[in-house]
Amino acid sequence: MKKLKAPLTVSGRVIAGRKVGRTIGFPTANLDLKGKALKLKRGIYTASCLLAGSHHLGLAYYGPRFVLGESVDSFEVYLFDLNRNIYGQRLSVKLIHFLRDPAYTKSLSALQKKIAADKKETLSLFSDQVILVNRRDRPLGMMKKVKAHDGRGRLHRAVSVFVFNQKGELLLQKRSRHKRLWPLTWSNTSCTHPSPGESITEAAARCLKQELGLSAKLAAAAKFTYQAKYLKVGSEHELDTIFIGFSSSKPKINRQEVAAIKYLSLDGLNQAIKADPASFTPWLSLSLKKLKPSDIVMP
């Protein structure tokens, strides 16, 4: 992997291809190059793509499609978080890193494994970034987490997970002392920011597993925007999606992320927040106001 000295941009209209990528779980958009050869090294690149005003992380490939027996160069893009028909639309692709040279693959299964590995590497390269959005949740770009939380903060995508036990009690966590914002403060079960290329559902499942060792079927229940300042350190400014789940499993605390846990009924939690609001994160009380009784129905 090598970061380009300066990003290179390739633009064009999306044209119909042979739809092979879709059959292996990696649908790609083929760009019409008007018969022109690009002054571009053949291979796989990380790419930040602009489509109809929205930004998407992905992979770009320039070169022959060996698995199809082709010798002519083509340019195609796999957008990680997009799976719909975009034929005829204009796509602008900014190449950021060169990942590898083209690989001659004889089978679609071999190609599938290589693309999966390329995607994993790309996601790791951007794991320290958040997704900037507008109030309608349209992706506007990426920004490093630290910078996005400076000052008043930049609006970015987030998820908050609420997991209940069989008694209907909510699993709460006390945030680690290492957290920059609201350390050692009680909050909902788990929270995170989706990384570029990661869906909100994937992010919710990831943070629940990473922080508390739990797996649960999660359902999106509500979405809201808020802004909150923490002392003179920084701010949260998030478009937050709430996920609800249920689990009777015993949590396994990740001490780097979580200082302590406890279960409380919603009535008990609301009373505790009213008595001592400073001991709880601001998004917890805001989330509770967004939830309806019908959102919390035991399976």
C-alpha atoms as a PDB file:
ATOM      1  CA  MET A   1       0.000   0.000   0.000  1.00  0.00           C
ATOM      2  CA  LYS A   2       1.235   3.491  -0.846  1.00  0.00           C
ATOM      3  CA  LYS A   3      -0.526   6.813  -0.389  1.00  0.00           C
ATOM      4  CA  LEU A   4      -0.474   8.913  -3.545  1.00  0.00           C
ATOM      5  CA  LYS A   5       1.468  12.176  -3.344  1.00  0.00           C
ATOM      6  CA  ALA A   6      -1.675  13.914  -4.540  1.00  0.00           C
ATOM      7  CA  PRO A   7      -5.140  12.394  -5.086  1.00  0.00           C
ATOM      8  CA  LEU A   8      -6.048  11.643  -8.700  1.00  0.00           C
ATOM      9  CA  THR A   9      -9.617  12.097  -9.914  1.00  0.00           C
ATOM     10  CA  VAL A  10     -11.382  10.119 -12.639  1.00  0.00           C
ATOM     11  CA  SER A  11     -14.909  11.118 -13.662  1.00  0.00           C
ATOM     12  CA  GLY A  12     -17.465   9.730 -16.049  1.00  0.00           C
ATOM     13  CA  ARG A  13     -20.937   8.331 -16.496  1.00  0.00           C
ATOM     14  CA  VAL A  14     -21.778   4.884 -15.202  1.00  0.00           C
ATOM     15  CA  ILE A  15     -22.512   2.407 -17.975  1.00  0.00           C
ATOM     16  CA  ALA A  16     -23.886  -1.121 -17.909  1.00  0.00           C
ATOM     17  CA  GLY A  17     -21.296  -3.860 -17.551  1.00  0.00           C
ATOM     18  CA  ARG A  18     -21.474  -7.641 -17.425  1.00  0.00           C
ATOM     19  CA  LYS A  19     -22.724  -7.583 -13.807  1.00  0.00           C
ATOM     20  CA  VAL A  20     -20.183 -10.179 -12.692  1.00  0.00           C
ATOM     21  CA  GLY A  21     -19.290  -8.344  -9.476  1.00  0.00           C
ATOM     22  CA  ARG A  22     -22.888  -8.565  -8.296  1.00  0.00           C
ATOM     23  CA  THR A  23     -22.767 -12.373  -8.474  1.00  0.00           C
ATOM     24  CA  ILE A  24     -19.896 -12.508  -5.948  1.00  0.00           C
ATOM     25  CA  GLY A  25     -21.229  -9.860  -3.571  1.00  0.00           C
ATOM     26  CA  PHE A  26     -19.163  -6.927  -4.858  1.00  0.00           C
ATOM     27  CA  PRO A  27     -21.264  -4.926  -7.365  1.00  0.00           C
ATOM     28  CA  THR A  28     -19.165  -2.482  -9.362  1.00  0.00           C
ATOM     29  CA  ALA A  29     -19.883   0.641 -11.395  1.00  0.00           C
ATOM     30  CA  ASN A  30     -18.208   0.786 -14.808  1.00  0.00           C
ATOM     31  CA  LEU A  31     -17.198   4.236 -16.053  1.00  0.00           C
ATOM     32  CA  ASP A  32     -17.421   5.252 -19.694  1.00  0.00           C
ATOM     33  CA  LEU A  33     -13.903   6.355 -20.629  1.00  0.00           C
ATOM     34  CA  LYS A  34     -14.916   7.346 -24.181  1.00  0.00           C
ATOM     35  CA  GLY A  35     -12.268   5.005 -25.550  1.00  0.00           C
ATOM     36  CA  LYS A  36      -9.450   6.969 -23.907  1.00  0.00           C
ATOM     37  CA  ALA A  37      -6.580   5.343 -22.028  1.00  0.00           C
ATOM     38  CA  LEU A  38      -5.928   6.799 -18.599  1.00  0.00           C
ATOM     39  CA  LYS A  39      -2.485   8.024 -17.579  1.00  0.00           C
ATOM     40  CA  LEU A  40      -2.773   5.822 -14.556  1.00  0.00           C
ATOM     41  CA  LYS A  41      -0.873   2.882 -13.145  1.00  0.00           C
ATOM     42  CA  ARG A  42      -2.866  -0.311 -13.497  1.00  0.00           C
ATOM     43  CA  GLY A  43      -4.066  -1.760 -10.214  1.00  0.00           C
ATOM     44  CA  ILE A  44      -6.342  -1.407  -7.187  1.00  0.00           C
ATOM     45  CA  TYR A  45      -6.850   1.937  -5.398  1.00  0.00           C
ATOM     46  CA  THR A  46      -8.748   3.179  -2.367  1.00  0.00           C
ATOM     47  CA  ALA A  47     -11.273   5.728  -3.567  1.00  0.00           C
ATOM     48  CA  SER A  48     -13.494   8.494  -2.233  1.00  0.00           C
ATOM     49  CA  CYS A  49     -16.421   8.757  -4.629  1.00  0.00           C
ATOM     50  CA  LEU A  50     -18.923  11.546  -5.216  1.00  0.00           C
ATOM     51  CA  LEU A  51     -22.347  10.542  -6.530  1.00  0.00           C
ATOM     52  CA  ALA A  52     -25.281  12.972  -6.688  1.00  0.00           C
ATOM     53  CA  GLY A  53     -23.835  15.067  -3.866  1.00  0.00           C
ATOM     54  CA  SER A  54     -23.115  12.111  -1.560  1.00  0.00           C
ATOM     55  CA  HIS A  55     -19.666  10.766  -0.679  1.00  0.00           C
ATOM     56  CA  HIS A  56     -18.906   7.035  -0.555  1.00  0.00           C
ATOM     57  CA  LEU A  57     -15.751   5.081   0.255  1.00  0.00           C
ATOM     58  CA  GLY A  58     -14.780   2.323  -2.144  1.00  0.00           C
ATOM     59  CA  LEU A  59     -12.244   0.507  -4.291  1.00  0.00           C
ATOM     60  CA  ALA A  60     -11.301   1.422  -7.846  1.00  0.00           C
ATOM     61  CA  TYR A  61      -9.665  -0.857 -10.411  1.00  0.00           C
ATOM     62  CA  TYR A  62      -7.943   0.114 -13.633  1.00  0.00           C
ATOM     63  CA  GLY A  63      -6.712  -2.601 -15.948  1.00  0.00           C
ATOM     64  CA  PRO A  64      -7.811  -5.710 -17.855  1.00  0.00           C
ATOM     65  CA  ARG A  65     -10.433  -7.968 -16.309  1.00  0.00           C
ATOM     66  CA  PHE A  66      -8.427 -11.170 -16.543  1.00  0.00           C
ATOM     67  CA  VAL A  67     -11.096 -13.388 -15.039  1.00  0.00           C
ATOM     68  CA  LEU A  68     -13.368 -12.483 -17.974  1.00  0.00           C
ATOM     69  CA  GLY A  69     -10.660 -13.117 -20.545  1.00  0.00           C
ATOM     70  CA  GLU A  70     -10.423  -9.429 -21.476  1.00  0.00           C
ATOM     71  CA  SER A  71      -7.219  -7.653 -22.525  1.00  0.00           C
ATOM     72  CA  VAL A  72      -8.583  -4.099 -22.824  1.00  0.00           C
ATOM     73  CA  ASP A  73      -8.236  -1.777 -19.830  1.00  0.00           C
ATOM     74  CA  SER A  74     -11.411  -0.773 -18.014  1.00  0.00           C
ATOM     75  CA  PHE A  75     -12.146   1.410 -14.992  1.00  0.00           C
ATOM     76  CA  GLU A  76     -14.631   0.172 -12.415  1.00  0.00           C
ATOM     77  CA  VAL A  77     -15.523   1.119  -8.853  1.00  0.00           C
ATOM     78  CA  TYR A  78     -16.971  -0.818  -5.924  1.00  0.00           C
ATOM     79  CA  LEU A  79     -18.837   1.511  -3.537  1.00  0.00           C
ATOM     80  CA  PHE A  80     -18.921  -0.144  -0.115  1.00  0.00           C
ATOM     81  CA  ASP A  81     -22.212   1.247   1.202  1.00  0.00           C
ATOM     82  CA  LEU A  82     -24.223   1.451  -2.020  1.00  0.00           C
ATOM     83  CA  ASN A  83     -26.209  -1.287  -3.731  1.00  0.00           C
ATOM     84  CA  ARG A  84     -28.627   0.236  -6.230  1.00  0.00           C
ATOM     85  CA  ASN A  85     -28.889   1.011  -9.917  1.00  0.00           C
ATOM     86  CA  ILE A  86     -26.846   4.107 -10.801  1.00  0.00           C
ATOM     87  CA  TYR A  87     -26.624   3.621 -14.585  1.00  0.00           C
ATOM     88  CA  GLY A  88     -26.362   6.915 -16.449  1.00  0.00           C
ATOM     89  CA  GLN A  89     -25.347   8.912 -13.391  1.00  0.00           C
ATOM     90  CA  ARG A  90     -22.099  10.852 -13.200  1.00  0.00           C
ATOM     91  CA  LEU A  91     -19.536   9.498 -10.760  1.00  0.00           C
ATOM     92  CA  SER A  92     -16.394  11.312  -9.628  1.00  0.00           C
ATOM     93  CA  VAL A  93     -13.715   9.017  -8.195  1.00  0.00           C
ATOM     94  CA  LYS A  94     -10.808  10.409  -6.160  1.00  0.00           C
ATOM     95  CA  LEU A  95      -7.971   7.885  -5.866  1.00  0.00           C
ATOM     96  CA  ILE A  96      -6.140   8.101  -2.532  1.00  0.00           C
ATOM     97  CA  HIS A  97      -3.947   5.002  -1.999  1.00  0.00           C
ATOM     98  CA  PHE A  98      -2.457   2.508  -4.421  1.00  0.00           C
ATOM     99  CA  LEU A  99      -3.077  -0.909  -2.844  1.00  0.00           C
ATOM    100  CA  ARG A 100      -1.635  -3.423  -5.288  1.00  0.00           C
ATOM    101  CA  ASP A 101      -0.896  -4.366  -8.878  1.00  0.00           C
ATOM    102  CA  PRO A 102      -3.480  -6.293 -10.908  1.00  0.00           C
ATOM    103  CA  ALA A 103      -3.581  -9.990 -10.042  1.00  0.00           C
ATOM    104  CA  TYR A 104      -4.275 -12.656 -12.612  1.00  0.00           C
ATOM    105  CA  THR A 105      -7.146 -14.711 -11.228  1.00  0.00           C
ATOM    106  CA  LYS A 106      -8.566 -17.745 -12.960  1.00  0.00           C
ATOM    107  CA  SER A 107     -11.798 -18.021 -10.975  1.00  0.00           C
ATOM    108  CA  LEU A 108     -14.489 -15.789  -9.528  1.00  0.00           C
ATOM    109  CA  SER A 109     -13.964 -17.320  -6.081  1.00  0.00           C
ATOM    110  CA  ALA A 110     -10.296 -16.274  -6.141  1.00  0.00           C
ATOM    111  CA  LEU A 111     -11.321 -12.780  -7.251  1.00  0.00           C
ATOM    112  CA  GLN A 112     -13.887 -12.645  -4.450  1.00  0.00           C
ATOM    113  CA  LYS A 113     -11.216 -13.395  -1.832  1.00  0.00           C
ATOM    114  CA  LYS A 114      -8.890 -10.708  -3.197  1.00  0.00           C
ATOM    115  CA  ILE A 115     -11.608  -8.038  -3.199  1.00  0.00           C
ATOM    116  CA  ALA A 116     -12.622  -8.981   0.349  1.00  0.00           C
ATOM    117  CA  ALA A 117      -8.997  -8.578   1.476  1.00  0.00           C
ATOM    118  CA  ASP A 118      -8.722  -5.230  -0.351  1.00  0.00           C
ATOM    119  CA  LYS A 119     -11.907  -3.996   1.331  1.00  0.00           C
ATOM    120  CA  LYS A 120     -10.642  -5.049   4.761  1.00  0.00           C
ATOM    121  CA  GLU A 121      -7.368  -3.183   4.216  1.00  0.00           C
ATOM    122  CA  THR A 122      -9.215  -0.087   2.996  1.00  0.00           C
ATOM    123  CA  LEU A 123     -11.538  -0.014   5.998  1.00  0.00           C
ATOM    124  CA  SER A 124      -8.551  -0.263   8.347  1.00  0.00           C
ATOM    125  CA  LEU A 125      -6.886   2.697   6.611  1.00  0.00           C
ATOM    126  CA  PHE A 126      -9.908   4.896   7.346  1.00  0.00           C
ATOM    127  CA  SER A 127     -10.872   3.529  10.784  1.00  0.00           C
ATOM    128  CA  ASP A 128      -9.765   6.769  12.493  1.00  0.00           C
ATOM    129  CA  GLN A 129     -12.246   8.808  10.435  1.00  0.00           C
ATOM    130  CA  VAL A 130     -15.922   9.646  10.903  1.00  0.00           C
ATOM    131  CA  ILE A 131     -18.560  10.195   8.226  1.00  0.00           C
ATOM    132  CA  LEU A 132     -19.631  13.829   7.959  1.00  0.00           C
ATOM    133  CA  VAL A 133     -23.328  14.207   7.098  1.00  0.00           C
ATOM    134  CA  ASN A 134     -26.031  16.838   6.757  1.00  0.00           C
ATOM    135  CA  ARG A 135     -29.263  16.762   8.753  1.00  0.00           C
ATOM    136  CA  ARG A 136     -30.834  14.480   6.142  1.00  0.00           C
ATOM    137  CA  ASP A 137     -28.008  11.975   6.695  1.00  0.00           C
ATOM    138  CA  ARG A 138     -26.410  12.585   3.312  1.00  0.00           C
ATOM    139  CA  PRO A 139     -22.661  11.757   3.475  1.00  0.00           C
ATOM    140  CA  LEU A 140     -20.570  14.873   2.870  1.00  0.00           C
ATOM    141  CA  GLY A 141     -17.087  13.440   3.330  1.00  0.00           C
ATOM    142  CA  MET A 142     -14.672  12.135   5.957  1.00  0.00           C
ATOM    143  CA  MET A 143     -12.775  13.711   8.839  1.00  0.00           C
ATOM    144  CA  LYS A 144     -10.441  12.439  11.545  1.00  0.00           C
ATOM    145  CA  LYS A 145     -12.344  11.696  14.767  1.00  0.00           C
ATOM    146  CA  VAL A 146     -10.306  14.094  16.885  1.00  0.00           C
ATOM    147  CA  LYS A 147     -10.834  17.022  14.528  1.00  0.00           C
ATOM    148  CA  ALA A 148     -14.564  16.297  14.176  1.00  0.00           C
ATOM    149  CA  HIS A 149     -14.944  16.688  17.958  1.00  0.00           C
ATOM    150  CA  ASP A 150     -12.922  19.895  18.331  1.00  0.00           C
ATOM    151  CA  GLY A 151     -14.698  23.153  19.198  1.00  0.00           C
ATOM    152  CA  ARG A 152     -18.422  22.907  18.505  1.00  0.00           C
ATOM    153  CA  GLY A 153     -17.896  19.704  16.525  1.00  0.00           C
ATOM    154  CA  ARG A 154     -18.818  18.749  12.960  1.00  0.00           C
ATOM    155  CA  LEU A 155     -22.053  16.859  12.367  1.00  0.00           C
ATOM    156  CA  HIS A 156     -21.230  13.194  11.836  1.00  0.00           C
ATOM    157  CA  ARG A 157     -22.938   9.809  11.829  1.00  0.00           C
ATOM    158  CA  ALA A 158     -23.186   7.809  15.075  1.00  0.00           C
ATOM    159  CA  VAL A 159     -25.029   4.852  16.608  1.00  0.00           C
ATOM    160  CA  SER A 160     -26.238   4.194  20.164  1.00  0.00           C
ATOM    161  CA  VAL A 161     -27.086   0.635  21.219  1.00  0.00           C
ATOM    162  CA  PHE A 162     -29.608  -0.200  23.956  1.00  0.00           C
ATOM    163  CA  VAL A 163     -29.623  -3.843  25.103  1.00  0.00           C
ATOM    164  CA  PHE A 164     -32.197  -5.128  27.604  1.00  0.00           C
ATOM    165  CA  ASN A 165     -32.214  -8.315  29.688  1.00  0.00           C
ATOM    166  CA  GLN A 166     -35.164 -10.660  30.285  1.00  0.00           C
ATOM    167  CA  LYS A 167     -36.397  -8.444  33.129  1.00  0.00           C
ATOM    168  CA  GLY A 168     -36.652  -5.490  30.764  1.00  0.00           C
ATOM    169  CA  GLU A 169     -33.712  -3.769  32.437  1.00  0.00           C
ATOM    170  CA  LEU A 170     -31.280  -1.715  30.366  1.00  0.00           C
ATOM    171  CA  LEU A 171     -27.585  -2.600  30.389  1.00  0.00           C
ATOM    172  CA  LEU A 172     -25.632   0.583  31.150  1.00  0.00           C
ATOM    173  CA  GLN A 173     -21.909   1.168  30.877  1.00  0.00           C
ATOM    174  CA  LYS A 174     -19.655   3.641  32.645  1.00  0.00           C
ATOM    175  CA  ARG A 175     -17.332   5.046  30.022  1.00  0.00           C
ATOM    176  CA  SER A 176     -13.601   4.411  30.389  1.00  0.00           C
ATOM    177  CA  ARG A 177     -11.372   6.998  32.042  1.00  0.00           C
ATOM    178  CA  HIS A 178      -9.473   7.075  28.719  1.00  0.00           C
ATOM    179  CA  LYS A 179     -12.395   8.641  26.832  1.00  0.00           C
ATOM    180  CA  ARG A 180     -11.713  12.198  25.704  1.00  0.00           C
ATOM    181  CA  LEU A 181     -15.349  13.267  26.131  1.00  0.00           C
ATOM    182  CA  TRP A 182     -17.458  12.365  29.169  1.00  0.00           C
ATOM    183  CA  PRO A 183     -14.999   9.898  30.778  1.00  0.00           C
ATOM    184  CA  LEU A 184     -16.278   7.886  33.779  1.00  0.00           C
ATOM    185  CA  THR A 185     -19.850   8.886  32.924  1.00  0.00           C
ATOM    186  CA  TRP A 186     -22.775   6.457  32.704  1.00  0.00           C
ATOM    187  CA  SER A 187     -24.254   5.888  29.267  1.00  0.00           C
ATOM    188  CA  ASN A 188     -26.287   3.412  27.244  1.00  0.00           C
ATOM    189  CA  THR A 189     -25.031  -0.105  26.429  1.00  0.00           C
ATOM    190  CA  SER A 190     -22.559   0.935  23.713  1.00  0.00           C
ATOM    191  CA  CYS A 191     -21.881   3.751  21.243  1.00  0.00           C
ATOM    192  CA  THR A 192     -19.677   4.270  18.230  1.00  0.00           C
ATOM    193  CA  HIS A 193     -19.135   6.138  14.990  1.00  0.00           C
ATOM    194  CA  PRO A 194     -19.488   4.132  11.769  1.00  0.00           C
ATOM    195  CA  SER A 195     -16.231   4.219   9.833  1.00  0.00           C
ATOM    196  CA  PRO A 196     -16.303   5.236   6.166  1.00  0.00           C
ATOM    197  CA  GLY A 197     -17.609   2.264   4.202  1.00  0.00           C
ATOM    198  CA  GLU A 198     -19.266   0.708   7.261  1.00  0.00           C
ATOM    199  CA  SER A 199     -23.066   0.640   7.602  1.00  0.00           C
ATOM    200  CA  ILE A 200     -24.784   1.777  10.799  1.00  0.00           C
ATOM    201  CA  THR A 201     -25.992  -1.789  11.413  1.00  0.00           C
ATOM    202  CA  GLU A 202     -22.454  -3.158  11.075  1.00  0.00           C
ATOM    203  CA  ALA A 203     -21.136  -0.445  13.389  1.00  0.00           C
ATOM    204  CA  ALA A 204     -23.771  -1.167  16.044  1.00  0.00           C
ATOM    205  CA  ALA A 205     -22.958  -4.893  16.070  1.00  0.00           C
ATOM    206  CA  ARG A 206     -19.211  -4.162  16.099  1.00  0.00           C
ATOM    207  CA  CYS A 207     -19.243  -1.860  19.121  1.00  0.00           C
ATOM    208  CA  LEU A 208     -21.513  -4.169  21.131  1.00  0.00           C
ATOM    209  CA  LYS A 209     -19.130  -7.068  20.530  1.00  0.00           C
ATOM    210  CA  GLN A 210     -15.973  -4.989  20.956  1.00  0.00           C
ATOM    211  CA  GLU A 211     -16.972  -3.255  24.186  1.00  0.00           C
ATOM    212  CA  LEU A 212     -19.031  -5.931  25.966  1.00  0.00           C
ATOM    213  CA  GLY A 213     -18.483  -9.203  24.104  1.00  0.00           C
ATOM    214  CA  LEU A 214     -22.184  -9.462  23.259  1.00  0.00           C
ATOM    215  CA  SER A 215     -24.026 -10.421  20.100  1.00  0.00           C
ATOM    216  CA  ALA A 216     -27.707  -9.605  19.681  1.00  0.00           C
ATOM    217  CA  LYS A 217     -30.261  -9.040  16.968  1.00  0.00           C
ATOM    218  CA  LEU A 218     -30.412  -5.256  16.692  1.00  0.00           C
ATOM    219  CA  ALA A 219     -33.195  -3.141  15.196  1.00  0.00           C
ATOM    220  CA  ALA A 220     -33.051   0.576  14.405  1.00  0.00           C
ATOM    221  CA  ALA A 221     -35.697   2.388  16.468  1.00  0.00           C
ATOM    222  CA  ALA A 222     -35.147   6.135  16.097  1.00  0.00           C
ATOM    223  CA  LYS A 223     -32.812   8.784  14.723  1.00  0.00           C
ATOM    224  CA  PHE A 224     -32.061  12.273  16.028  1.00  0.00           C
ATOM    225  CA  THR A 225     -29.518  15.090  15.847  1.00  0.00           C
ATOM    226  CA  TYR A 226     -27.923  16.752  18.865  1.00  0.00           C
ATOM    227  CA  GLN A 227     -24.971  18.897  19.859  1.00  0.00           C
ATOM    228  CA  ALA A 228     -23.383  18.890  23.327  1.00  0.00           C
ATOM    229  CA  LYS A 229     -20.210  20.503  24.656  1.00  0.00           C
ATOM    230  CA  TYR A 230     -17.942  18.826  27.218  1.00  0.00           C
ATOM    231  CA  LEU A 231     -16.102  21.399  29.357  1.00  0.00           C
ATOM    232  CA  LYS A 232     -13.428  23.082  27.190  1.00  0.00           C
ATOM    233  CA  VAL A 233     -12.298  19.785  25.678  1.00  0.00           C
ATOM    234  CA  GLY A 234     -14.618  19.421  22.701  1.00  0.00           C
ATOM    235  CA  SER A 235     -18.133  18.564  21.586  1.00  0.00           C
ATOM    236  CA  GLU A 236     -20.344  15.831  20.238  1.00  0.00           C
ATOM    237  CA  HIS A 237     -22.378  16.846  17.196  1.00  0.00           C
ATOM    238  CA  GLU A 238     -24.064  13.720  15.925  1.00  0.00           C
ATOM    239  CA  LEU A 239     -26.824  12.337  13.798  1.00  0.00           C
ATOM    240  CA  ASP A 240     -27.446   9.368  16.074  1.00  0.00           C
ATOM    241  CA  THR A 241     -29.373   6.192  15.218  1.00  0.00           C
ATOM    242  CA  ILE A 242     -30.702   4.208  18.189  1.00  0.00           C
ATOM    243  CA  PHE A 243     -30.579   0.406  18.012  1.00  0.00           C
ATOM    244  CA  ILE A 244     -32.563  -1.871  20.337  1.00  0.00           C
ATOM    245  CA  GLY A 245     -31.618  -5.455  21.229  1.00  0.00           C
ATOM    246  CA  PHE A 246     -32.130  -8.138  23.872  1.00  0.00           C
ATOM    247  CA  SER A 247     -29.617 -10.493  25.479  1.00  0.00           C
ATOM    248  CA  SER A 248     -29.480 -12.768  28.516  1.00  0.00           C
ATOM    249  CA  SER A 249     -25.745 -13.434  28.050  1.00  0.00           C
ATOM    250  CA  LYS A 250     -23.182 -12.248  30.585  1.00  0.00           C
ATOM    251  CA  PRO A 251     -21.201  -9.242  29.295  1.00  0.00           C
ATOM    252  CA  LYS A 252     -17.411  -9.495  28.976  1.00  0.00           C
ATOM    253  CA  ILE A 253     -16.081  -6.027  29.701  1.00  0.00           C
ATOM    254  CA  ASN A 254     -13.343  -4.525  27.531  1.00  0.00           C
ATOM    255  CA  ARG A 255     -11.518  -2.458  30.165  1.00  0.00           C
ATOM    256  CA  GLN A 256     -10.017  -0.165  27.531  1.00  0.00           C
ATOM    257  CA  GLU A 257     -13.534   0.960  26.610  1.00  0.00           C
ATOM    258  CA  VAL A 258     -15.702   0.349  29.680  1.00  0.00           C
ATOM    259  CA  ALA A 259     -15.056   1.074  33.379  1.00  0.00           C
ATOM    260  CA  ALA A 260     -18.142  -0.655  34.835  1.00  0.00           C
ATOM    261  CA  ILE A 261     -21.629  -1.931  33.992  1.00  0.00           C
ATOM    262  CA  LYS A 262     -24.998  -2.212  35.707  1.00  0.00           C
ATOM    263  CA  TYR A 263     -28.640  -2.922  34.874  1.00  0.00           C
ATOM    264  CA  LEU A 264     -31.473  -0.499  35.627  1.00  0.00           C
ATOM    265  CA  SER A 265     -35.167  -0.363  34.835  1.00  0.00           C
ATOM    266  CA  LEU A 266     -36.161   2.579  32.647  1.00  0.00           C
ATOM    267  CA  ASP A 267     -38.102   4.094  35.527  1.00  0.00           C
ATOM    268  CA  GLY A 268     -35.077   3.749  37.790  1.00  0.00           C
ATOM    269  CA  LEU A 269     -32.810   5.223  35.126  1.00  0.00           C
ATOM    270  CA  ASN A 270     -35.036   8.241  34.539  1.00  0.00           C
ATOM    271  CA  GLN A 271     -35.126   8.896  38.285  1.00  0.00           C
ATOM    272  CA  ALA A 272     -31.326   8.617  38.515  1.00  0.00           C
ATOM    273  CA  ILE A 273     -30.825  11.041  35.619  1.00  0.00           C
ATOM    274  CA  LYS A 274     -33.236  13.521  37.184  1.00  0.00           C
ATOM    275  CA  ALA A 275     -31.404  13.318  40.526  1.00  0.00           C
ATOM    276  CA  ASP A 276     -27.870  13.605  39.090  1.00  0.00           C
ATOM    277  CA  PRO A 277     -27.815  14.514  35.368  1.00  0.00           C
ATOM    278  CA  ALA A 278     -24.046  15.199  35.363  1.00  0.00           C
ATOM    279  CA  SER A 279     -23.371  11.494  35.984  1.00  0.00           C
ATOM    280  CA  PHE A 280     -24.906  10.551  32.622  1.00  0.00           C
ATOM    281  CA  THR A 281     -24.023  11.350  29.011  1.00  0.00           C
ATOM    282  CA  PRO A 282     -26.263  13.937  27.316  1.00  0.00           C
ATOM    283  CA  TRP A 283     -27.189  11.603  24.463  1.00  0.00           C
ATOM    284  CA  LEU A 284     -28.532   8.996  26.892  1.00  0.00           C
ATOM    285  CA  SER A 285     -31.315  11.228  28.217  1.00  0.00           C
ATOM    286  CA  LEU A 286     -32.060  12.496  24.699  1.00  0.00           C
ATOM    287  CA  SER A 287     -32.283   8.924  23.398  1.00  0.00           C
ATOM    288  CA  LEU A 288     -34.704   7.900  26.149  1.00  0.00           C
ATOM    289  CA  LYS A 289     -37.070  10.675  25.055  1.00  0.00           C
ATOM    290  CA  LYS A 290     -37.046   9.313  21.485  1.00  0.00           C
ATOM    291  CA  LEU A 291     -37.910   5.726  22.425  1.00  0.00           C
ATOM    292  CA  LYS A 292     -41.517   4.522  22.474  1.00  0.00           C
ATOM    293  CA  PRO A 293     -42.867   1.614  24.576  1.00  0.00           C
ATOM    294  CA  SER A 294     -43.490  -0.284  21.334  1.00  0.00           C
ATOM    295  CA  ASP A 295     -39.742  -0.097  20.578  1.00  0.00           C
ATOM    296  CA  ILE A 296     -38.958  -2.141  23.694  1.00  0.00           C
ATOM    297  CA  VAL A 297     -41.018  -5.308  23.360  1.00  0.00           C
ATOM    298  CA  MET A 298     -39.421  -8.529  24.560  1.00  0.00           C
ATOM    299  CA  PRO A 299     -39.092 -11.103  21.745  1.00  0.00           C
END
